[in-house]
Amino acid sequence: MCTGGTVGNQPDLTLAETFVDPTRITQSPTREHGYLDVLGPEDDEPVSLANRFMQSRLLAAIYERAWRPMFTRGFSYGGKSTLKAHTALMGEIAGRGDLKILDVACGPGLYTRELAAQLGDDGACIGLDLSGPMLRRAVRDNSAEHIDYIRGSAHALPFADATFDTVVCLAALYLIPNPEQAVRELCRVAGPGGQIVIFTSLRTPAASLPGVTGAMRIGGFRAFGREEVTGWLRAQGWTDIDQTLTGQGQFIRARREAALRIAT
């Protein structure tokens, strides 16, 4: 059975340890506050204002009740089209049966728990994030059977090739310093017959307004062209791609036939 257990009030993390590939980490994993940490203290320093904010205890505390609803509406210019598209997509990709799911840049685990809600006995969902405060919140608020959390980098996922059936990165790619490398890693760890799901920003005329481009650059926030992220996926051999544009956001779902090989 591929289920997460607990020791006292904390996850026992055997599920997370099962998935980590020791050849892809540079130090022995440690157990921190209910999650598995495969990074060292030297990886703690954020590289932009946005990353500093995303790793703060303040955002972890307000993310679910305030930040995510406000940010989601912002993608739709205050409307609900992004929320509706997200709800429909999550209903389609939520794990069922014995699927293995990876939620990259999972934050406080809101999507992680939703993705894992219908998994069977041998199903598993791993949430990975760089932020310790976010992961502590995830362990506290969104732990469940079949779920474990790992502190790691989206630039170098600590998993073997073709490990997961579904790999998602929702509302985070625009904050990752090297998003193209992150997409390569999503592709690498997704198995034959698997799928990758991304929700991220879309470059619109609003992003070209005076001062907006500079503010985004300083803050570490990036808006992607319509063909940018899908182009990265195609370069890795993923050609069955659905894309839904909504306001300033885009939902991307890529599938790969079981016979296709990982691009190198």
C-alpha atoms as a PDB file:
ATOM      1  CA  MET A   1       0.000   0.000   0.000  1.00  0.00           C
ATOM      2  CA  CYS A   2       1.318   3.411  -0.972  1.00  0.00           C
ATOM      3  CA  THR A   3      -0.158   5.477   1.844  1.00  0.00           C
ATOM      4  CA  GLY A   4       1.310   8.079   4.116  1.00  0.00           C
ATOM      5  CA  GLY A   5       1.281   7.257   7.803  1.00  0.00           C
ATOM      6  CA  THR A   6       1.844   9.285  10.950  1.00  0.00           C
ATOM      7  CA  VAL A   7       4.106   9.169  13.967  1.00  0.00           C
ATOM      8  CA  GLY A   8       2.349  10.961  16.775  1.00  0.00           C
ATOM      9  CA  ASN A   9       0.843  14.015  15.096  1.00  0.00           C
ATOM     10  CA  GLN A  10       3.414  14.150  12.284  1.00  0.00           C
ATOM     11  CA  PRO A  11       3.592  12.267   8.953  1.00  0.00           C
ATOM     12  CA  ASP A  12       6.100   9.414   9.073  1.00  0.00           C
ATOM     13  CA  LEU A  13       7.363  10.460   5.596  1.00  0.00           C
ATOM     14  CA  THR A  14       8.002   6.934   4.339  1.00  0.00           C
ATOM     15  CA  LEU A  15       6.001   7.826   1.240  1.00  0.00           C
ATOM     16  CA  ALA A  16       8.235  10.819   0.482  1.00  0.00           C
ATOM     17  CA  GLU A  17      11.379   8.783   1.105  1.00  0.00           C
ATOM     18  CA  THR A  18      10.165   6.130  -1.328  1.00  0.00           C
ATOM     19  CA  PHE A  19       9.946   8.655  -4.158  1.00  0.00           C
ATOM     20  CA  VAL A  20      13.235  10.510  -3.621  1.00  0.00           C
ATOM     21  CA  ASP A  21      16.078   9.349  -5.870  1.00  0.00           C
ATOM     22  CA  PRO A  22      19.312   9.518  -3.815  1.00  0.00           C
ATOM     23  CA  THR A  23      21.364  10.089  -6.974  1.00  0.00           C
ATOM     24  CA  ARG A  24      19.577  13.409  -7.544  1.00  0.00           C
ATOM     25  CA  ILE A  25      20.234  15.017  -4.179  1.00  0.00           C
ATOM     26  CA  THR A  26      23.475  16.330  -2.710  1.00  0.00           C
ATOM     27  CA  GLN A  27      22.828  15.655   0.971  1.00  0.00           C
ATOM     28  CA  SER A  28      20.943  13.189   3.111  1.00  0.00           C
ATOM     29  CA  PRO A  29      17.274  14.162   3.532  1.00  0.00           C
ATOM     30  CA  THR A  30      16.209  15.456   6.916  1.00  0.00           C
ATOM     31  CA  ARG A  31      12.806  15.449   8.575  1.00  0.00           C
ATOM     32  CA  GLU A  32      11.690  18.987   9.327  1.00  0.00           C
ATOM     33  CA  HIS A  33       8.306  19.940  10.820  1.00  0.00           C
ATOM     34  CA  GLY A  34       6.498  17.054   9.155  1.00  0.00           C
ATOM     35  CA  TYR A  35       8.076  17.328   5.694  1.00  0.00           C
ATOM     36  CA  LEU A  36      11.182  15.836   4.096  1.00  0.00           C
ATOM     37  CA  ASP A  37      13.935  18.381   3.364  1.00  0.00           C
ATOM     38  CA  VAL A  38      16.379  17.482   0.576  1.00  0.00           C
ATOM     39  CA  LEU A  39      18.000  20.941   0.487  1.00  0.00           C
ATOM     40  CA  GLY A  40      20.562  22.541   2.754  1.00  0.00           C
ATOM     41  CA  PRO A  41      20.449  25.935   4.511  1.00  0.00           C
ATOM     42  CA  GLU A  42      22.449  27.462   1.665  1.00  0.00           C
ATOM     43  CA  ASP A  43      19.365  27.076  -0.540  1.00  0.00           C
ATOM     44  CA  ASP A  44      17.213  29.219   1.756  1.00  0.00           C
ATOM     45  CA  GLU A  45      18.017  32.609   0.221  1.00  0.00           C
ATOM     46  CA  PRO A  46      15.267  33.738  -2.192  1.00  0.00           C
ATOM     47  CA  VAL A  47      16.360  35.495  -5.365  1.00  0.00           C
ATOM     48  CA  SER A  48      13.600  38.086  -5.870  1.00  0.00           C
ATOM     49  CA  LEU A  49      11.106  40.173  -3.931  1.00  0.00           C
ATOM     50  CA  ALA A  50       8.334  37.852  -5.042  1.00  0.00           C
ATOM     51  CA  ASN A  51      10.239  34.794  -3.833  1.00  0.00           C
ATOM     52  CA  ARG A  52      10.973  36.449  -0.503  1.00  0.00           C
ATOM     53  CA  PHE A  53       7.270  37.122  -0.090  1.00  0.00           C
ATOM     54  CA  MET A  54       6.305  33.600  -1.156  1.00  0.00           C
ATOM     55  CA  GLN A  55       8.626  32.164   1.505  1.00  0.00           C
ATOM     56  CA  SER A  56       7.353  34.428   4.267  1.00  0.00           C
ATOM     57  CA  ARG A  57       5.329  33.257   7.241  1.00  0.00           C
ATOM     58  CA  LEU A  58       2.868  36.092   6.589  1.00  0.00           C
ATOM     59  CA  LEU A  59       1.849  34.806   3.161  1.00  0.00           C
ATOM     60  CA  ALA A  60       1.647  31.233   4.417  1.00  0.00           C
ATOM     61  CA  ALA A  61      -0.806  32.423   7.070  1.00  0.00           C
ATOM     62  CA  ILE A  62      -3.110  34.388   4.729  1.00  0.00           C
ATOM     63  CA  TYR A  63      -2.724  32.396   1.514  1.00  0.00           C
ATOM     64  CA  GLU A  64      -5.912  30.334   1.624  1.00  0.00           C
ATOM     65  CA  ARG A  65      -8.394  32.846   2.971  1.00  0.00           C
ATOM     66  CA  ALA A  66      -7.136  36.010   1.295  1.00  0.00           C
ATOM     67  CA  TRP A  67      -4.215  35.795  -1.109  1.00  0.00           C
ATOM     68  CA  ARG A  68      -5.332  33.001  -3.447  1.00  0.00           C
ATOM     69  CA  PRO A  69      -8.908  34.326  -3.951  1.00  0.00           C
ATOM     70  CA  MET A  70      -7.608  37.851  -4.614  1.00  0.00           C
ATOM     71  CA  PHE A  71      -4.870  36.676  -6.963  1.00  0.00           C
ATOM     72  CA  THR A  72      -7.221  34.379  -8.887  1.00  0.00           C
ATOM     73  CA  ARG A  73      -9.649  37.229  -9.483  1.00  0.00           C
ATOM     74  CA  GLY A  74      -6.759  39.391 -10.611  1.00  0.00           C
ATOM     75  CA  PHE A  75      -6.046  36.985 -13.459  1.00  0.00           C
ATOM     76  CA  SER A  76      -9.632  37.563 -14.641  1.00  0.00           C
ATOM     77  CA  TYR A  77      -9.564  41.356 -14.199  1.00  0.00           C
ATOM     78  CA  GLY A  78     -11.771  40.924 -11.133  1.00  0.00           C
ATOM     79  CA  GLY A  79     -14.102  38.382 -12.743  1.00  0.00           C
ATOM     80  CA  LYS A  80     -14.555  34.657 -12.199  1.00  0.00           C
ATOM     81  CA  SER A  81     -13.460  33.119 -15.508  1.00  0.00           C
ATOM     82  CA  THR A  82     -10.126  31.902 -14.108  1.00  0.00           C
ATOM     83  CA  LEU A  83     -11.809  30.310 -11.099  1.00  0.00           C
ATOM     84  CA  LYS A  84     -14.355  28.554 -13.324  1.00  0.00           C
ATOM     85  CA  ALA A  85     -11.647  27.237 -15.639  1.00  0.00           C
ATOM     86  CA  HIS A  86      -9.604  26.067 -12.658  1.00  0.00           C
ATOM     87  CA  THR A  87     -12.567  24.264 -11.083  1.00  0.00           C
ATOM     88  CA  ALA A  88     -13.361  22.458 -14.324  1.00  0.00           C
ATOM     89  CA  LEU A  89      -9.750  21.414 -14.870  1.00  0.00           C
ATOM     90  CA  MET A  90      -9.239  20.152 -11.334  1.00  0.00           C
ATOM     91  CA  GLY A  91     -12.322  17.994 -11.721  1.00  0.00           C
ATOM     92  CA  GLU A  92     -10.712  16.382 -14.763  1.00  0.00           C
ATOM     93  CA  ILE A  93      -7.200  15.835 -13.417  1.00  0.00           C
ATOM     94  CA  ALA A  94      -7.880  14.913  -9.774  1.00  0.00           C
ATOM     95  CA  GLY A  95      -6.168  11.622  -9.066  1.00  0.00           C
ATOM     96  CA  ARG A  96      -8.189   8.430  -9.018  1.00  0.00           C
ATOM     97  CA  GLY A  97      -7.157   4.860  -8.439  1.00  0.00           C
ATOM     98  CA  ASP A  98      -3.453   4.208  -8.078  1.00  0.00           C
ATOM     99  CA  LEU A  99      -2.057   7.278  -9.839  1.00  0.00           C
ATOM    100  CA  LYS A 100       1.194   8.880  -8.702  1.00  0.00           C
ATOM    101  CA  ILE A 101       0.885  12.686  -8.672  1.00  0.00           C
ATOM    102  CA  LEU A 102       3.457  15.446  -8.152  1.00  0.00           C
ATOM    103  CA  ASP A 103       2.416  18.997  -7.229  1.00  0.00           C
ATOM    104  CA  VAL A 104       5.411  21.270  -7.925  1.00  0.00           C
ATOM    105  CA  ALA A 105       5.557  24.563  -5.993  1.00  0.00           C
ATOM    106  CA  CYS A 106       2.641  23.314  -3.914  1.00  0.00           C
ATOM    107  CA  GLY A 107       2.661  26.169  -1.392  1.00  0.00           C
ATOM    108  CA  PRO A 108       0.390  25.367   1.565  1.00  0.00           C
ATOM    109  CA  GLY A 109      -0.957  22.227  -0.103  1.00  0.00           C
ATOM    110  CA  LEU A 110      -4.404  23.402  -1.172  1.00  0.00           C
ATOM    111  CA  TYR A 111      -4.174  21.850  -4.625  1.00  0.00           C
ATOM    112  CA  THR A 112      -2.212  18.875  -3.288  1.00  0.00           C
ATOM    113  CA  ARG A 113      -5.027  17.776  -1.050  1.00  0.00           C
ATOM    114  CA  GLU A 114      -7.614  18.348  -3.767  1.00  0.00           C
ATOM    115  CA  LEU A 115      -5.615  16.260  -6.221  1.00  0.00           C
ATOM    116  CA  ALA A 116      -5.260  13.402  -3.731  1.00  0.00           C
ATOM    117  CA  ALA A 117      -8.836  13.288  -2.465  1.00  0.00           C
ATOM    118  CA  GLN A 118      -9.965  10.346  -4.622  1.00  0.00           C
ATOM    119  CA  LEU A 119      -6.794   8.266  -4.767  1.00  0.00           C
ATOM    120  CA  GLY A 120      -6.950   4.537  -4.131  1.00  0.00           C
ATOM    121  CA  ASP A 121      -4.893   2.453  -1.741  1.00  0.00           C
ATOM    122  CA  ASP A 122      -1.782   2.487  -3.935  1.00  0.00           C
ATOM    123  CA  GLY A 123      -2.125   6.086  -5.106  1.00  0.00           C
ATOM    124  CA  ALA A 124       0.196   8.835  -3.905  1.00  0.00           C
ATOM    125  CA  CYS A 125       0.489  12.602  -4.119  1.00  0.00           C
ATOM    126  CA  ILE A 126       3.726  14.450  -3.350  1.00  0.00           C
ATOM    127  CA  GLY A 127       3.729  18.195  -2.752  1.00  0.00           C
ATOM    128  CA  LEU A 128       7.085  19.906  -3.338  1.00  0.00           C
ATOM    129  CA  ASP A 129       7.984  23.492  -2.480  1.00  0.00           C
ATOM    130  CA  LEU A 130      11.045  25.609  -1.713  1.00  0.00           C
ATOM    131  CA  SER A 131       9.408  27.454   1.184  1.00  0.00           C
ATOM    132  CA  GLY A 132       9.653  26.014   4.682  1.00  0.00           C
ATOM    133  CA  PRO A 133       6.837  28.242   6.046  1.00  0.00           C
ATOM    134  CA  MET A 134       4.532  27.141   3.232  1.00  0.00           C
ATOM    135  CA  LEU A 135       5.307  23.479   3.853  1.00  0.00           C
ATOM    136  CA  ARG A 136       4.723  23.803   7.586  1.00  0.00           C
ATOM    137  CA  ARG A 137       1.308  25.248   6.759  1.00  0.00           C
ATOM    138  CA  ALA A 138       0.699  22.405   4.283  1.00  0.00           C
ATOM    139  CA  VAL A 139       1.537  19.778   6.900  1.00  0.00           C
ATOM    140  CA  ARG A 140      -0.691  21.484   9.447  1.00  0.00           C
ATOM    141  CA  ASP A 141      -3.710  22.218   7.257  1.00  0.00           C
ATOM    142  CA  ASN A 142      -3.589  19.853   4.288  1.00  0.00           C
ATOM    143  CA  SER A 143      -2.119  16.562   5.396  1.00  0.00           C
ATOM    144  CA  ALA A 144      -4.089  13.479   4.460  1.00  0.00           C
ATOM    145  CA  GLU A 145      -3.731   9.848   3.552  1.00  0.00           C
ATOM    146  CA  HIS A 146      -1.672   9.357   0.384  1.00  0.00           C
ATOM    147  CA  ILE A 147       0.089  12.757   0.789  1.00  0.00           C
ATOM    148  CA  ASP A 148       3.629  13.677   1.817  1.00  0.00           C
ATOM    149  CA  TYR A 149       5.488  16.969   1.405  1.00  0.00           C
ATOM    150  CA  ILE A 150       9.080  17.583   0.325  1.00  0.00           C
ATOM    151  CA  ARG A 151      11.201  20.713   0.435  1.00  0.00           C
ATOM    152  CA  GLY A 152      13.057  20.801  -2.859  1.00  0.00           C
ATOM    153  CA  SER A 153      13.831  22.849  -5.948  1.00  0.00           C
ATOM    154  CA  ALA A 154      11.740  22.963  -9.113  1.00  0.00           C
ATOM    155  CA  HIS A 155      15.006  23.431 -11.013  1.00  0.00           C
ATOM    156  CA  ALA A 156      16.296  19.999  -9.953  1.00  0.00           C
ATOM    157  CA  LEU A 157      13.473  17.717  -8.882  1.00  0.00           C
ATOM    158  CA  PRO A 158      14.747  14.962  -6.562  1.00  0.00           C
ATOM    159  CA  PHE A 159      13.034  12.153  -8.456  1.00  0.00           C
ATOM    160  CA  ALA A 160      14.017   9.602 -11.069  1.00  0.00           C
ATOM    161  CA  ASP A 161      12.892   9.936 -14.681  1.00  0.00           C
ATOM    162  CA  ALA A 162       9.300   8.919 -15.465  1.00  0.00           C
ATOM    163  CA  THR A 163       8.230   8.631 -11.821  1.00  0.00           C
ATOM    164  CA  PHE A 164       4.763  10.238 -11.905  1.00  0.00           C
ATOM    165  CA  ASP A 165       1.540   9.811 -13.866  1.00  0.00           C
ATOM    166  CA  THR A 166       0.469  13.426 -13.396  1.00  0.00           C
ATOM    167  CA  VAL A 167       2.728  16.428 -12.761  1.00  0.00           C
ATOM    168  CA  VAL A 168       1.206  19.829 -12.023  1.00  0.00           C
ATOM    169  CA  CYS A 169       2.562  23.329 -11.449  1.00  0.00           C
ATOM    170  CA  LEU A 170      -0.314  25.659 -10.633  1.00  0.00           C
ATOM    171  CA  ALA A 171       0.011  29.422 -10.164  1.00  0.00           C
ATOM    172  CA  ALA A 172       3.767  29.284  -9.591  1.00  0.00           C
ATOM    173  CA  LEU A 173       5.787  29.018 -12.811  1.00  0.00           C
ATOM    174  CA  TYR A 174       5.899  32.815 -13.221  1.00  0.00           C
ATOM    175  CA  LEU A 175       7.822  33.075  -9.927  1.00  0.00           C
ATOM    176  CA  ILE A 176      10.425  30.392 -10.623  1.00  0.00           C
ATOM    177  CA  PRO A 177      13.781  31.998 -11.559  1.00  0.00           C
ATOM    178  CA  ASN A 178      14.417  29.652 -14.502  1.00  0.00           C
ATOM    179  CA  PRO A 179      10.976  28.571 -15.704  1.00  0.00           C
ATOM    180  CA  GLU A 180      12.243  26.810 -18.821  1.00  0.00           C
ATOM    181  CA  GLN A 181      14.462  24.568 -16.686  1.00  0.00           C
ATOM    182  CA  ALA A 182      11.501  23.890 -14.402  1.00  0.00           C
ATOM    183  CA  VAL A 183       9.393  22.809 -17.384  1.00  0.00           C
ATOM    184  CA  ARG A 184      12.189  20.482 -18.509  1.00  0.00           C
ATOM    185  CA  GLU A 185      12.123  18.919 -15.057  1.00  0.00           C
ATOM    186  CA  LEU A 186       8.339  18.517 -15.132  1.00  0.00           C
ATOM    187  CA  CYS A 187       8.721  16.672 -18.433  1.00  0.00           C
ATOM    188  CA  ARG A 188      11.562  14.510 -17.139  1.00  0.00           C
ATOM    189  CA  VAL A 189       9.709  13.124 -14.130  1.00  0.00           C
ATOM    190  CA  ALA A 190       6.405  12.551 -15.955  1.00  0.00           C
ATOM    191  CA  GLY A 191       6.070   8.989 -17.163  1.00  0.00           C
ATOM    192  CA  PRO A 192       4.999   7.619 -20.555  1.00  0.00           C
ATOM    193  CA  GLY A 193       1.250   7.983 -20.906  1.00  0.00           C
ATOM    194  CA  GLY A 194       1.323  10.732 -18.291  1.00  0.00           C
ATOM    195  CA  GLN A 195       0.213  14.336 -18.279  1.00  0.00           C
ATOM    196  CA  ILE A 196       1.547  17.745 -17.264  1.00  0.00           C
ATOM    197  CA  VAL A 197      -0.804  20.511 -16.141  1.00  0.00           C
ATOM    198  CA  ILE A 198       0.312  24.129 -15.747  1.00  0.00           C
ATOM    199  CA  PHE A 199      -1.575  27.257 -14.784  1.00  0.00           C
ATOM    200  CA  THR A 200       0.495  30.375 -15.245  1.00  0.00           C
ATOM    201  CA  SER A 201       0.503  33.976 -16.414  1.00  0.00           C
ATOM    202  CA  LEU A 202      -0.185  35.233 -19.943  1.00  0.00           C
ATOM    203  CA  ARG A 203       1.479  38.249 -21.503  1.00  0.00           C
ATOM    204  CA  THR A 204      -1.278  40.704 -22.434  1.00  0.00           C
ATOM    205  CA  PRO A 205      -1.247  44.392 -23.460  1.00  0.00           C
ATOM    206  CA  ALA A 206      -1.638  45.273 -19.778  1.00  0.00           C
ATOM    207  CA  ALA A 207       1.848  43.890 -19.120  1.00  0.00           C
ATOM    208  CA  SER A 208       3.279  46.503 -21.497  1.00  0.00           C
ATOM    209  CA  LEU A 209       1.803  49.510 -19.716  1.00  0.00           C
ATOM    210  CA  PRO A 210       4.317  52.103 -18.462  1.00  0.00           C
ATOM    211  CA  GLY A 211       5.918  50.932 -15.251  1.00  0.00           C
ATOM    212  CA  VAL A 212       4.339  47.477 -15.295  1.00  0.00           C
ATOM    213  CA  THR A 213       7.225  45.746 -17.080  1.00  0.00           C
ATOM    214  CA  GLY A 214       9.802  47.262 -14.726  1.00  0.00           C
ATOM    215  CA  ALA A 215       7.770  46.419 -11.645  1.00  0.00           C
ATOM    216  CA  MET A 216       7.390  42.828 -12.792  1.00  0.00           C
ATOM    217  CA  ARG A 217      11.116  42.536 -13.461  1.00  0.00           C
ATOM    218  CA  ILE A 218      12.063  43.961 -10.065  1.00  0.00           C
ATOM    219  CA  GLY A 219       9.525  41.782  -8.286  1.00  0.00           C
ATOM    220  CA  GLY A 220      10.579  38.613 -10.080  1.00  0.00           C
ATOM    221  CA  PHE A 221       7.167  38.082 -11.690  1.00  0.00           C
ATOM    222  CA  ARG A 222       7.110  36.952 -15.316  1.00  0.00           C
ATOM    223  CA  ALA A 223       4.334  36.985 -17.927  1.00  0.00           C
ATOM    224  CA  PHE A 224       4.647  34.327 -20.629  1.00  0.00           C
ATOM    225  CA  GLY A 225       3.838  34.620 -24.303  1.00  0.00           C
ATOM    226  CA  ARG A 226       1.080  32.470 -25.712  1.00  0.00           C
ATOM    227  CA  GLU A 227       3.523  30.067 -27.400  1.00  0.00           C
ATOM    228  CA  GLU A 228       6.327  30.278 -24.838  1.00  0.00           C
ATOM    229  CA  VAL A 229       5.483  27.569 -22.314  1.00  0.00           C
ATOM    230  CA  THR A 230       3.839  25.335 -24.905  1.00  0.00           C
ATOM    231  CA  GLY A 231       7.003  25.689 -27.002  1.00  0.00           C
ATOM    232  CA  TRP A 232       9.120  24.427 -24.121  1.00  0.00           C
ATOM    233  CA  LEU A 233       6.819  21.417 -23.782  1.00  0.00           C
ATOM    234  CA  ARG A 234       6.993  20.649 -27.496  1.00  0.00           C
ATOM    235  CA  ALA A 235      10.775  20.833 -27.365  1.00  0.00           C
ATOM    236  CA  GLN A 236      10.655  17.971 -24.851  1.00  0.00           C
ATOM    237  CA  GLY A 237       8.468  15.831 -27.112  1.00  0.00           C
ATOM    238  CA  TRP A 238       5.044  16.747 -25.752  1.00  0.00           C
ATOM    239  CA  THR A 239       2.835  17.508 -28.757  1.00  0.00           C
ATOM    240  CA  ASP A 240      -0.692  16.718 -27.508  1.00  0.00           C
ATOM    241  CA  ILE A 241      -1.309  20.063 -25.817  1.00  0.00           C
ATOM    242  CA  ASP A 242      -4.533  21.832 -24.835  1.00  0.00           C
ATOM    243  CA  GLN A 243      -4.341  25.519 -23.916  1.00  0.00           C
ATOM    244  CA  THR A 244      -7.105  27.678 -22.436  1.00  0.00           C
ATOM    245  CA  LEU A 245      -6.585  31.437 -22.195  1.00  0.00           C
ATOM    246  CA  THR A 246      -8.456  33.345 -19.512  1.00  0.00           C
ATOM    247  CA  GLY A 247      -7.770  37.005 -18.834  1.00  0.00           C
ATOM    248  CA  GLN A 248      -4.119  37.292 -17.858  1.00  0.00           C
ATOM    249  CA  GLY A 249      -3.710  33.565 -17.285  1.00  0.00           C
ATOM    250  CA  GLN A 250      -3.383  30.351 -19.252  1.00  0.00           C
ATOM    251  CA  PHE A 251      -4.168  26.735 -18.460  1.00  0.00           C
ATOM    252  CA  ILE A 252      -1.990  24.204 -20.263  1.00  0.00           C
ATOM    253  CA  ARG A 253      -2.542  20.455 -20.291  1.00  0.00           C
ATOM    254  CA  ALA A 254      -0.061  18.251 -22.125  1.00  0.00           C
ATOM    255  CA  ARG A 255      -0.305  14.503 -22.637  1.00  0.00           C
ATOM    256  CA  ARG A 256       2.256  12.048 -23.907  1.00  0.00           C
ATOM    257  CA  GLU A 257       1.639   8.681 -25.506  1.00  0.00           C
ATOM    258  CA  ALA A 258       3.069   5.709 -23.679  1.00  0.00           C
ATOM    259  CA  ALA A 259       5.384   4.881 -26.580  1.00  0.00           C
ATOM    260  CA  LEU A 260       7.190   8.232 -26.573  1.00  0.00           C
ATOM    261  CA  ARG A 261      10.604   8.576 -24.935  1.00  0.00           C
ATOM    262  CA  ILE A 262      11.881  11.353 -22.694  1.00  0.00           C
ATOM    263  CA  ALA A 263      13.719  14.048 -24.663  1.00  0.00           C
ATOM    264  CA  THR A 264      17.370  14.584 -23.716  1.00  0.00           C
END
